[in-house]
Amino acid sequence: MLTGKFKFSKKGSFGLAFDYSGEQDKYKMISIDPAKGSIELLFNEGTTEITSAAAHLKEGETYSFTYIQEGSVGVFYIDGETSLTVRIYGVTGKSIMLFAESNSVEFTDLREYTR
């Protein structure tokens, strides 16, 4: 489980990237896209959309988030706003990274919980 807060100041995407095979072009991503008003599960470093949900977030506001993964199933919550359920195979025990593209994002209060 990963918890924290974020605040952004531009319309570019940001979120979590999961190392799948050690190759960046194969990353699986949970991407928040303020310009689209959505949160998406993307494969192949963002080139293949798998699923999405509405996420109408405002620049400059602080949002709390929680990501929980059990086996291949994960849920990303933006508290009080939206959630996205995903199925991501092959990432257990691999790196999870924060990313931002064409955006300025401040992540705070990050906590990781493992068993």
Protein backbone atom coordinates (compact mmCIF):
# COMPACT_ATOMS: atom_id res chain seq x y z
CA MET A 1 0.00 0.00 0.00
CA LEU A 2 1.18 3.50 -0.84
CA THR A 3 -0.41 6.63 0.61
CA GLY A 4 0.30 10.32 0.26
CA LYS A 5 -0.86 13.67 -0.99
CA PHE A 6 -0.30 15.55 -4.22
CA LYS A 7 -0.80 19.03 -5.63
CA PHE A 8 -0.22 19.97 -9.28
CA SER A 9 0.06 23.24 -11.16
CA LYS A 10 -0.21 22.39 -14.87
CA LYS A 11 -2.30 20.21 -17.22
CA GLY A 12 0.27 17.45 -17.94
CA SER A 13 -0.08 13.88 -16.67
CA PHE A 14 1.44 12.33 -13.54
CA GLY A 15 1.10 9.27 -11.34
CA LEU A 16 2.69 5.87 -10.72
CA ALA A 17 4.89 3.88 -13.09
CA PHE A 18 5.49 0.15 -12.54
CA ASP A 19 8.62 -1.60 -13.77
CA TYR A 20 7.47 -4.69 -15.62
CA SER A 21 10.55 -6.05 -17.38
CA GLY A 22 13.40 -3.63 -16.69
CA GLU A 23 12.63 -1.88 -19.98
CA GLN A 24 11.21 1.66 -19.73
CA ASP A 25 9.13 1.27 -22.90
CA LYS A 26 7.24 -1.59 -21.18
CA TYR A 27 6.28 0.35 -18.01
CA LYS A 28 2.70 0.05 -16.81
CA MET A 29 1.32 3.35 -15.53
CA ILE A 30 -1.54 4.70 -13.48
CA SER A 31 -1.74 8.17 -14.97
CA ILE A 32 -3.75 11.15 -13.75
CA ASP A 33 -4.47 13.42 -16.71
CA PRO A 34 -6.00 16.77 -15.63
CA ALA A 35 -6.41 17.94 -19.25
CA LYS A 36 -8.62 14.90 -20.01
CA GLY A 37 -10.26 14.89 -16.57
CA SER A 38 -9.36 11.23 -16.10
CA ILE A 39 -7.24 8.64 -14.35
CA GLU A 40 -6.03 5.86 -16.66
CA LEU A 41 -4.25 2.53 -16.65
CA LEU A 42 -1.72 2.65 -19.48
CA PHE A 43 0.68 -0.02 -20.73
CA ASN A 44 3.84 0.28 -22.85
CA GLU A 45 4.97 3.58 -21.24
CA GLY A 46 1.64 5.25 -21.91
CA THR A 47 0.98 4.20 -25.49
CA THR A 48 -1.79 1.67 -24.78
CA GLU A 49 -4.84 2.66 -22.69
CA ILE A 50 -6.39 -0.27 -20.85
CA THR A 51 -9.08 1.44 -18.74
CA SER A 52 -9.98 4.83 -17.29
CA ALA A 53 -12.30 6.68 -14.90
CA ALA A 54 -13.35 10.32 -14.57
CA ALA A 55 -11.14 12.47 -12.30
CA HIS A 56 -11.98 16.17 -12.47
CA LEU A 57 -9.22 17.68 -10.34
CA LYS A 58 -8.32 21.34 -9.86
CA GLU A 59 -4.84 22.85 -10.12
CA GLY A 60 -3.41 24.07 -6.83
CA GLU A 61 -5.62 21.91 -4.59
CA THR A 62 -4.16 19.20 -2.37
CA TYR A 63 -5.55 15.67 -2.79
CA SER A 64 -4.94 12.56 -0.67
CA PHE A 65 -4.42 9.25 -2.43
CA THR A 66 -4.10 5.58 -1.56
CA TYR A 67 -2.87 2.78 -3.81
CA ILE A 68 -3.45 -0.79 -2.62
CA GLN A 69 -2.21 -3.85 -4.49
CA GLU A 70 -2.90 -7.47 -3.60
CA GLY A 71 -1.43 -9.90 -6.10
CA SER A 72 -2.30 -8.60 -9.56
CA VAL A 73 -5.27 -6.46 -8.45
CA GLY A 74 -4.76 -2.83 -7.49
CA VAL A 75 -7.03 0.05 -6.53
CA PHE A 76 -5.99 3.70 -6.79
CA TYR A 77 -8.17 6.04 -4.70
CA ILE A 78 -8.15 9.80 -4.84
CA ASP A 79 -9.97 10.40 -1.59
CA GLY A 80 -13.37 12.01 -2.06
CA GLU A 81 -12.98 12.20 -5.84
CA THR A 82 -12.58 8.90 -7.72
CA SER A 83 -11.06 5.43 -7.80
CA LEU A 84 -9.68 3.12 -10.45
CA THR A 85 -9.43 -0.66 -10.14
CA VAL A 86 -6.67 -2.26 -12.20
CA ARG A 87 -5.16 -5.65 -12.91
CA ILE A 88 -1.39 -5.48 -13.35
CA TYR A 89 0.54 -8.71 -13.82
CA GLY A 90 4.29 -9.10 -13.38
CA VAL A 91 5.01 -6.13 -11.11
CA THR A 92 5.07 -7.78 -7.68
CA GLY A 93 8.39 -7.05 -5.99
CA LYS A 94 9.45 -4.60 -8.72
CA SER A 95 10.03 -0.85 -8.53
CA ILE A 96 7.16 1.63 -8.34
CA MET A 97 8.10 5.14 -9.43
CA LEU A 98 6.40 8.53 -9.32
CA PHE A 99 6.34 10.44 -12.61
CA ALA A 100 5.19 13.76 -14.04
CA GLU A 101 5.12 14.82 -17.70
CA SER A 102 4.61 18.50 -18.64
CA ASN A 103 3.46 19.21 -15.10
CA SER A 104 4.81 20.42 -11.78
CA VAL A 105 3.65 18.04 -9.04
CA GLU A 106 4.41 18.12 -5.34
CA PHE A 107 4.05 14.73 -3.63
CA THR A 108 4.01 14.88 0.19
CA ASP A 109 3.39 12.59 3.18
CA LEU A 110 4.41 9.51 1.18
CA ARG A 111 4.22 6.24 3.09
CA GLU A 112 4.74 2.70 1.84
CA TYR A 113 3.34 -0.27 3.71
CA THR A 114 4.44 -3.83 2.95
CA ARG A 115 3.88 -7.19 4.55
